[in-house]
Amino acid sequence: MYWENLVFDAAMPHEQGKYWEELLDTETFTDNEGGLETRLQFSGGRYLDLCFPTVSDPEPASQRVFPVLASSGCIASSDAGKKNPPREERNDIAGRQYFVLNGSAERARPLNLFAVELHSANPERDAQFWANLTGFRTDSQDPTVLVHPSGTGALIRLVPEMQPKTAAKSSVHLDLRLEPGDDPKQIVEMVQEQGGTELDHKWGEVPWRVFLDPSGNEFCILPAPAASSQP
């Protein structure tokens, strides 16, 4: 199982998706009435898809997952490795909040997706939960930061939540993808054994399953593709 999508609920999927394409220099591969999907390529053939499904009434105020962007020069600097690097708060055209590390060129394009932050009631506990699901490893200097085994691509960071999770769905979430050979039953048991729960949603028939991490953050597990390469 691996991390495949960063998902933004979108009332204007085309406009919002194009905003992020300009920021990150990604490539559209789906743009229709269901939403827009655009692909961010990492080294080694890995990728992350940014998905903007059409959601008629998204709730920006409920956001608990936040992209952190930076220019290449800023990522290479010592500030980027700090536990809480200085950054500026910004909003996309739909009001989704993201951060840009200080030191990034003001008009630099494209920026890089440095990290994705998840709000957590217990960051060290939840970092281990997400490490077990994604195959990322815990950073040796900070147990709340997760790094892909290759050392490339966006980090996953667990940060203390500003307030406990409410019943409102987060307007941004992560999707994981099963690999061929994964046993869905075993995966669900692993999620539950580590403090996650399956969500009994009211969104109709969908081909994926929806879960909550131990802090109540939604994520989806998508079925394995017929043929796919792991990012």
C-alpha atoms as a PDB file:
ATOM      1  CA  MET A   1       0.000   0.000   0.000  1.00  0.00           C
ATOM      2  CA  TYR A   2       1.316   3.457  -0.814  1.00  0.00           C
ATOM      3  CA  TRP A   3       0.348   7.137  -0.696  1.00  0.00           C
ATOM      4  CA  GLU A   4      -1.130   8.072  -4.070  1.00  0.00           C
ATOM      5  CA  ASN A   5      -3.345  11.171  -3.770  1.00  0.00           C
ATOM      6  CA  LEU A   6      -3.627  14.487  -1.988  1.00  0.00           C
ATOM      7  CA  VAL A   7      -7.323  15.346  -2.291  1.00  0.00           C
ATOM      8  CA  PHE A   8      -8.946  18.816  -2.124  1.00  0.00           C
ATOM      9  CA  ASP A   9     -12.751  19.002  -1.978  1.00  0.00           C
ATOM     10  CA  ALA A  10     -13.582  21.546  -4.676  1.00  0.00           C
ATOM     11  CA  ALA A  11     -16.629  23.539  -5.727  1.00  0.00           C
ATOM     12  CA  MET A  12     -14.552  24.849  -8.681  1.00  0.00           C
ATOM     13  CA  PRO A  13     -12.274  21.906  -9.476  1.00  0.00           C
ATOM     14  CA  HIS A  14     -10.907  23.211 -12.785  1.00  0.00           C
ATOM     15  CA  GLU A  15      -9.971  26.644 -11.429  1.00  0.00           C
ATOM     16  CA  GLN A  16      -8.552  25.295  -8.191  1.00  0.00           C
ATOM     17  CA  GLY A  17      -6.622  22.552  -9.952  1.00  0.00           C
ATOM     18  CA  LYS A  18      -5.079  25.012 -12.400  1.00  0.00           C
ATOM     19  CA  TYR A  19      -4.035  27.230  -9.491  1.00  0.00           C
ATOM     20  CA  TRP A  20      -2.043  24.320  -8.032  1.00  0.00           C
ATOM     21  CA  GLU A  21      -0.671  23.348 -11.430  1.00  0.00           C
ATOM     22  CA  GLU A  22       0.878  26.795 -11.748  1.00  0.00           C
ATOM     23  CA  LEU A  23       2.357  26.572  -8.251  1.00  0.00           C
ATOM     24  CA  LEU A  24       3.870  23.105  -8.680  1.00  0.00           C
ATOM     25  CA  ASP A  25       4.245  22.685 -12.468  1.00  0.00           C
ATOM     26  CA  THR A  26       2.137  19.530 -12.511  1.00  0.00           C
ATOM     27  CA  GLU A  27       0.444  17.913 -15.510  1.00  0.00           C
ATOM     28  CA  THR A  28      -3.310  17.451 -15.944  1.00  0.00           C
ATOM     29  CA  PHE A  29      -4.441  13.938 -16.770  1.00  0.00           C
ATOM     30  CA  THR A  30      -8.164  14.209 -15.907  1.00  0.00           C
ATOM     31  CA  ASP A  31     -10.401  17.276 -16.271  1.00  0.00           C
ATOM     32  CA  ASN A  32     -14.144  16.638 -16.531  1.00  0.00           C
ATOM     33  CA  GLU A  33     -17.415  17.188 -14.664  1.00  0.00           C
ATOM     34  CA  GLY A  34     -16.246  14.872 -11.883  1.00  0.00           C
ATOM     35  CA  GLY A  35     -13.203  17.006 -11.131  1.00  0.00           C
ATOM     36  CA  LEU A  36      -9.586  17.611 -12.071  1.00  0.00           C
ATOM     37  CA  GLU A  37      -6.530  15.460 -11.361  1.00  0.00           C
ATOM     38  CA  THR A  38      -2.969  16.614 -11.892  1.00  0.00           C
ATOM     39  CA  ARG A  39       0.279  14.695 -11.376  1.00  0.00           C
ATOM     40  CA  LEU A  40       3.359  15.812  -9.465  1.00  0.00           C
ATOM     41  CA  GLN A  41       6.415  13.823 -10.539  1.00  0.00           C
ATOM     42  CA  PHE A  42       9.187  12.966  -8.104  1.00  0.00           C
ATOM     43  CA  SER A  43      12.582  11.477  -8.917  1.00  0.00           C
ATOM     44  CA  GLY A  44      12.873   7.760  -9.493  1.00  0.00           C
ATOM     45  CA  GLY A  45       9.520   7.520 -11.264  1.00  0.00           C
ATOM     46  CA  ARG A  46       7.516   8.263  -8.132  1.00  0.00           C
ATOM     47  CA  TYR A  47       4.531  10.575  -8.262  1.00  0.00           C
ATOM     48  CA  LEU A  48       1.747  12.102  -6.198  1.00  0.00           C
ATOM     49  CA  ASP A  49      -1.615  12.979  -7.724  1.00  0.00           C
ATOM     50  CA  LEU A  50      -3.379  16.150  -6.606  1.00  0.00           C
ATOM     51  CA  CYS A  51      -7.103  15.505  -6.957  1.00  0.00           C
ATOM     52  CA  PHE A  52      -9.899  18.080  -6.992  1.00  0.00           C
ATOM     53  CA  PRO A  53     -13.193  16.154  -6.975  1.00  0.00           C
ATOM     54  CA  THR A  54     -16.371  18.149  -7.419  1.00  0.00           C
ATOM     55  CA  VAL A  55     -17.902  18.713  -3.981  1.00  0.00           C
ATOM     56  CA  SER A  56     -20.911  21.022  -3.970  1.00  0.00           C
ATOM     57  CA  ASP A  57     -20.495  22.369  -0.439  1.00  0.00           C
ATOM     58  CA  PRO A  58     -16.877  22.007   0.748  1.00  0.00           C
ATOM     59  CA  GLU A  59     -15.982  23.337   4.190  1.00  0.00           C
ATOM     60  CA  PRO A  60     -12.636  25.194   4.113  1.00  0.00           C
ATOM     61  CA  ALA A  61     -12.830  25.898   7.847  1.00  0.00           C
ATOM     62  CA  SER A  62     -12.675  22.173   8.588  1.00  0.00           C
ATOM     63  CA  GLN A  63      -9.238  21.712   6.985  1.00  0.00           C
ATOM     64  CA  ARG A  64      -6.798  19.523   8.951  1.00  0.00           C
ATOM     65  CA  VAL A  65      -4.287  18.642   6.213  1.00  0.00           C
ATOM     66  CA  PHE A  66      -1.976  21.399   4.942  1.00  0.00           C
ATOM     67  CA  PRO A  67       0.542  21.480   2.068  1.00  0.00           C
ATOM     68  CA  VAL A  68       3.913  23.122   2.769  1.00  0.00           C
ATOM     69  CA  LEU A  69       5.713  24.520  -0.291  1.00  0.00           C
ATOM     70  CA  ALA A  70       9.236  25.802  -0.852  1.00  0.00           C
ATOM     71  CA  SER A  71      11.627  26.815  -3.587  1.00  0.00           C
ATOM     72  CA  SER A  72      14.501  24.454  -4.360  1.00  0.00           C
ATOM     73  CA  GLY A  73      17.027  26.809  -2.784  1.00  0.00           C
ATOM     74  CA  CYS A  74      15.034  27.025   0.434  1.00  0.00           C
ATOM     75  CA  ILE A  75      14.707  23.231   0.728  1.00  0.00           C
ATOM     76  CA  ALA A  76      18.468  22.940   0.406  1.00  0.00           C
ATOM     77  CA  SER A  77      19.007  25.435   3.239  1.00  0.00           C
ATOM     78  CA  SER A  78      19.446  24.543   6.906  1.00  0.00           C
ATOM     79  CA  ASP A  79      16.133  26.190   7.818  1.00  0.00           C
ATOM     80  CA  ALA A  80      14.147  23.532   5.961  1.00  0.00           C
ATOM     81  CA  GLY A  81      15.450  20.817   8.257  1.00  0.00           C
ATOM     82  CA  LYS A  82      14.274  22.526  11.437  1.00  0.00           C
ATOM     83  CA  LYS A  83      11.320  21.059  13.304  1.00  0.00           C
ATOM     84  CA  ASN A  84       9.316  24.264  12.842  1.00  0.00           C
ATOM     85  CA  PRO A  85      10.870  26.153   9.918  1.00  0.00           C
ATOM     86  CA  PRO A  86       9.608  29.744   9.509  1.00  0.00           C
ATOM     87  CA  ARG A  87       6.899  30.010   6.901  1.00  0.00           C
ATOM     88  CA  GLU A  88       4.143  32.228   5.556  1.00  0.00           C
ATOM     89  CA  GLU A  89       0.455  31.317   5.544  1.00  0.00           C
ATOM     90  CA  ARG A  90      -1.378  31.592   2.233  1.00  0.00           C
ATOM     91  CA  ASN A  91      -4.715  30.537   0.734  1.00  0.00           C
ATOM     92  CA  ASP A  92      -5.556  29.204  -2.694  1.00  0.00           C
ATOM     93  CA  ILE A  93      -8.504  30.546  -4.709  1.00  0.00           C
ATOM     94  CA  ALA A  94     -10.918  28.258  -2.839  1.00  0.00           C
ATOM     95  CA  GLY A  95      -9.684  29.282   0.594  1.00  0.00           C
ATOM     96  CA  ARG A  96      -7.595  26.165   1.206  1.00  0.00           C
ATOM     97  CA  GLN A  97      -4.727  27.079   3.486  1.00  0.00           C
ATOM     98  CA  TYR A  98      -1.129  26.209   2.663  1.00  0.00           C
ATOM     99  CA  PHE A  99       2.291  27.398   3.801  1.00  0.00           C
ATOM    100  CA  VAL A 100       5.393  28.619   1.969  1.00  0.00           C
ATOM    101  CA  LEU A 101       8.723  28.375   3.734  1.00  0.00           C
ATOM    102  CA  ASN A 102      10.375  31.722   4.365  1.00  0.00           C
ATOM    103  CA  GLY A 103      13.379  32.174   2.134  1.00  0.00           C
ATOM    104  CA  SER A 104      11.527  30.909  -0.925  1.00  0.00           C
ATOM    105  CA  ALA A 105      11.686  33.370  -3.782  1.00  0.00           C
ATOM    106  CA  GLU A 106       8.512  35.475  -3.721  1.00  0.00           C
ATOM    107  CA  ARG A 107       7.678  34.852  -7.371  1.00  0.00           C
ATOM    108  CA  ALA A 108       9.572  31.575  -7.879  1.00  0.00           C
ATOM    109  CA  ARG A 109       7.688  29.124 -10.072  1.00  0.00           C
ATOM    110  CA  PRO A 110       7.368  26.306  -9.789  1.00  0.00           C
ATOM    111  CA  LEU A 111       7.559  25.704  -6.062  1.00  0.00           C
ATOM    112  CA  ASN A 112       8.132  22.246  -4.588  1.00  0.00           C
ATOM    113  CA  LEU A 113       5.825  20.287  -2.320  1.00  0.00           C
ATOM    114  CA  PHE A 114       8.126  20.100   0.691  1.00  0.00           C
ATOM    115  CA  ALA A 115       5.689  18.420   3.112  1.00  0.00           C
ATOM    116  CA  VAL A 116       2.094  17.674   3.951  1.00  0.00           C
ATOM    117  CA  GLU A 117       1.104  18.351   7.565  1.00  0.00           C
ATOM    118  CA  LEU A 118      -1.684  16.538   9.395  1.00  0.00           C
ATOM    119  CA  HIS A 119      -3.167  17.858  12.612  1.00  0.00           C
ATOM    120  CA  SER A 120      -2.927  15.298  15.382  1.00  0.00           C
ATOM    121  CA  ALA A 121      -3.961  14.814  18.995  1.00  0.00           C
ATOM    122  CA  ASN A 122      -0.780  12.769  19.528  1.00  0.00           C
ATOM    123  CA  PRO A 123       1.825  13.422  16.810  1.00  0.00           C
ATOM    124  CA  GLU A 124       4.305  10.677  17.753  1.00  0.00           C
ATOM    125  CA  ARG A 125       1.561   8.048  17.968  1.00  0.00           C
ATOM    126  CA  ASP A 126      -0.009   9.109  14.678  1.00  0.00           C
ATOM    127  CA  ALA A 127       3.367   9.314  12.924  1.00  0.00           C
ATOM    128  CA  GLN A 128       3.866   5.629  13.671  1.00  0.00           C
ATOM    129  CA  PHE A 129       0.341   4.888  12.427  1.00  0.00           C
ATOM    130  CA  TRP A 130       1.017   6.610   9.108  1.00  0.00           C
ATOM    131  CA  ALA A 131       4.486   5.095   8.794  1.00  0.00           C
ATOM    132  CA  ASN A 132       2.999   1.617   9.049  1.00  0.00           C
ATOM    133  CA  LEU A 133       0.379   2.435   6.406  1.00  0.00           C
ATOM    134  CA  THR A 134       2.562   4.210   3.864  1.00  0.00           C
ATOM    135  CA  GLY A 135       5.921   2.480   4.251  1.00  0.00           C
ATOM    136  CA  PHE A 136       7.566   5.820   5.054  1.00  0.00           C
ATOM    137  CA  ARG A 137      10.254   5.800   7.749  1.00  0.00           C
ATOM    138  CA  THR A 138      10.448   8.011  10.832  1.00  0.00           C
ATOM    139  CA  ASP A 139      13.060  10.747  10.576  1.00  0.00           C
ATOM    140  CA  SER A 140      16.012   9.985  12.838  1.00  0.00           C
ATOM    141  CA  GLN A 141      15.947  13.455  14.405  1.00  0.00           C
ATOM    142  CA  ASP A 142      12.189  13.943  14.702  1.00  0.00           C
ATOM    143  CA  PRO A 143       9.722  11.092  15.347  1.00  0.00           C
ATOM    144  CA  THR A 144       6.816  13.202  14.050  1.00  0.00           C
ATOM    145  CA  VAL A 145       8.301  13.514  10.537  1.00  0.00           C
ATOM    146  CA  LEU A 146       8.009  10.731   7.951  1.00  0.00           C
ATOM    147  CA  VAL A 147      10.301  10.320   4.937  1.00  0.00           C
ATOM    148  CA  HIS A 148       9.945   8.044   1.911  1.00  0.00           C
ATOM    149  CA  PRO A 149      12.538   5.219   2.016  1.00  0.00           C
ATOM    150  CA  SER A 150      14.219   6.724  -1.059  1.00  0.00           C
ATOM    151  CA  GLY A 151      14.709  10.006   0.806  1.00  0.00           C
ATOM    152  CA  THR A 152      12.923  11.896  -1.969  1.00  0.00           C
ATOM    153  CA  GLY A 153       9.521  13.517  -2.399  1.00  0.00           C
ATOM    154  CA  ALA A 154       7.260  15.242   0.090  1.00  0.00           C
ATOM    155  CA  LEU A 155       7.527  14.588   3.818  1.00  0.00           C
ATOM    156  CA  ILE A 156       4.520  13.720   5.968  1.00  0.00           C
ATOM    157  CA  ARG A 157       4.533  15.699   9.214  1.00  0.00           C
ATOM    158  CA  LEU A 158       2.235  15.237  12.213  1.00  0.00           C
ATOM    159  CA  VAL A 159       1.688  18.493  14.090  1.00  0.00           C
ATOM    160  CA  PRO A 160      -0.285  19.254  17.277  1.00  0.00           C
ATOM    161  CA  GLU A 161      -3.901  20.009  16.462  1.00  0.00           C
ATOM    162  CA  MET A 162      -5.269  23.458  17.183  1.00  0.00           C
ATOM    163  CA  GLN A 163      -8.507  21.933  18.451  1.00  0.00           C
ATOM    164  CA  PRO A 164      -9.938  18.400  18.623  1.00  0.00           C
ATOM    165  CA  LYS A 165     -11.463  16.954  15.470  1.00  0.00           C
ATOM    166  CA  THR A 166     -15.159  17.726  15.117  1.00  0.00           C
ATOM    167  CA  ALA A 167     -17.752  15.818  13.125  1.00  0.00           C
ATOM    168  CA  ALA A 168     -17.030  17.999  10.075  1.00  0.00           C
ATOM    169  CA  LYS A 169     -15.077  16.292   7.298  1.00  0.00           C
ATOM    170  CA  SER A 170     -11.655  17.752   6.549  1.00  0.00           C
ATOM    171  CA  SER A 171     -11.666  19.617   3.240  1.00  0.00           C
ATOM    172  CA  VAL A 172      -8.275  18.077   2.353  1.00  0.00           C
ATOM    173  CA  HIS A 173      -7.304  14.435   2.896  1.00  0.00           C
ATOM    174  CA  LEU A 174      -4.920  11.678   1.781  1.00  0.00           C
ATOM    175  CA  ASP A 175      -5.677   8.594  -0.331  1.00  0.00           C
ATOM    176  CA  LEU A 176      -3.703   5.362  -0.112  1.00  0.00           C
ATOM    177  CA  ARG A 177      -3.637   2.739  -2.868  1.00  0.00           C
ATOM    178  CA  LEU A 178      -3.493  -1.025  -2.399  1.00  0.00           C
ATOM    179  CA  GLU A 179      -0.865  -2.850  -4.419  1.00  0.00           C
ATOM    180  CA  PRO A 180      -1.478  -6.047  -6.351  1.00  0.00           C
ATOM    181  CA  GLY A 181      -1.123  -8.865  -3.835  1.00  0.00           C
ATOM    182  CA  ASP A 182      -2.255  -6.822  -0.833  1.00  0.00           C
ATOM    183  CA  ASP A 183      -4.975  -8.555   1.184  1.00  0.00           C
ATOM    184  CA  PRO A 184      -7.705  -5.944   1.835  1.00  0.00           C
ATOM    185  CA  LYS A 185      -8.928  -7.825   4.912  1.00  0.00           C
ATOM    186  CA  GLN A 186      -5.449  -7.828   6.450  1.00  0.00           C
ATOM    187  CA  ILE A 187      -5.005  -4.150   5.663  1.00  0.00           C
ATOM    188  CA  VAL A 188      -8.287  -3.251   7.385  1.00  0.00           C
ATOM    189  CA  GLU A 189      -7.314  -5.343  10.418  1.00  0.00           C
ATOM    190  CA  MET A 190      -3.961  -3.544  10.581  1.00  0.00           C
ATOM    191  CA  VAL A 191      -5.666  -0.135  10.450  1.00  0.00           C
ATOM    192  CA  GLN A 192      -8.032  -1.113  13.270  1.00  0.00           C
ATOM    193  CA  GLU A 193      -5.353  -2.725  15.437  1.00  0.00           C
ATOM    194  CA  GLN A 194      -3.371   0.512  15.348  1.00  0.00           C
ATOM    195  CA  GLY A 195      -6.233   2.748  16.405  1.00  0.00           C
ATOM    196  CA  GLY A 196      -7.908   3.610  13.102  1.00  0.00           C
ATOM    197  CA  THR A 197     -11.598   3.058  12.392  1.00  0.00           C
ATOM    198  CA  GLU A 198     -13.650   2.541   9.266  1.00  0.00           C
ATOM    199  CA  LEU A 199     -16.113   5.345   8.595  1.00  0.00           C
ATOM    200  CA  ASP A 200     -19.731   4.459   7.910  1.00  0.00           C
ATOM    201  CA  HIS A 201     -20.176   7.285   5.413  1.00  0.00           C
ATOM    202  CA  LYS A 202     -23.353   8.417   3.656  1.00  0.00           C
ATOM    203  CA  TRP A 203     -21.810   9.181   0.266  1.00  0.00           C
ATOM    204  CA  GLY A 204     -23.372   6.339  -1.685  1.00  0.00           C
ATOM    205  CA  GLU A 205     -21.600   3.497  -3.472  1.00  0.00           C
ATOM    206  CA  VAL A 206     -17.898   4.187  -4.017  1.00  0.00           C
ATOM    207  CA  PRO A 207     -15.080   1.802  -5.014  1.00  0.00           C
ATOM    208  CA  TRP A 208     -12.904   2.799  -2.078  1.00  0.00           C
ATOM    209  CA  ARG A 209     -13.188   2.490   1.708  1.00  0.00           C
ATOM    210  CA  VAL A 210     -13.051   5.460   4.058  1.00  0.00           C
ATOM    211  CA  PHE A 211     -11.235   5.414   7.409  1.00  0.00           C
ATOM    212  CA  LEU A 212     -10.277   7.702  10.289  1.00  0.00           C
ATOM    213  CA  ASP A 213      -6.804   7.781  11.784  1.00  0.00           C
ATOM    214  CA  PRO A 214      -6.490   7.804  15.615  1.00  0.00           C
ATOM    215  CA  SER A 215      -7.033  11.593  15.652  1.00  0.00           C
ATOM    216  CA  GLY A 216     -10.116  11.412  13.428  1.00  0.00           C
ATOM    217  CA  ASN A 217      -8.511  12.471  10.131  1.00  0.00           C
ATOM    218  CA  GLU A 218     -10.254  10.954   7.127  1.00  0.00           C
ATOM    219  CA  PHE A 219      -8.333   8.940   4.552  1.00  0.00           C
ATOM    220  CA  CYS A 220      -9.357   6.573   1.794  1.00  0.00           C
ATOM    221  CA  ILE A 221      -7.931   3.213   0.763  1.00  0.00           C
ATOM    222  CA  LEU A 222      -8.334   2.647  -2.967  1.00  0.00           C
ATOM    223  CA  PRO A 223      -8.432  -0.781  -4.600  1.00  0.00           C
ATOM    224  CA  ALA A 224      -5.341  -2.167  -6.271  1.00  0.00           C
ATOM    225  CA  PRO A 225      -5.122  -1.330  -9.984  1.00  0.00           C
ATOM    226  CA  ALA A 226      -5.002  -4.096 -12.558  1.00  0.00           C
ATOM    227  CA  ALA A 227      -1.486  -3.014 -13.473  1.00  0.00           C
ATOM    228  CA  SER A 228       0.432  -0.228 -11.743  1.00  0.00           C
ATOM    229  CA  SER A 229       3.895   0.776 -10.692  1.00  0.00           C
ATOM    230  CA  GLN A 230       4.403   1.857  -7.120  1.00  0.00           C
ATOM    231  CA  PRO A 231       5.361   5.521  -6.710  1.00  0.00           C
END
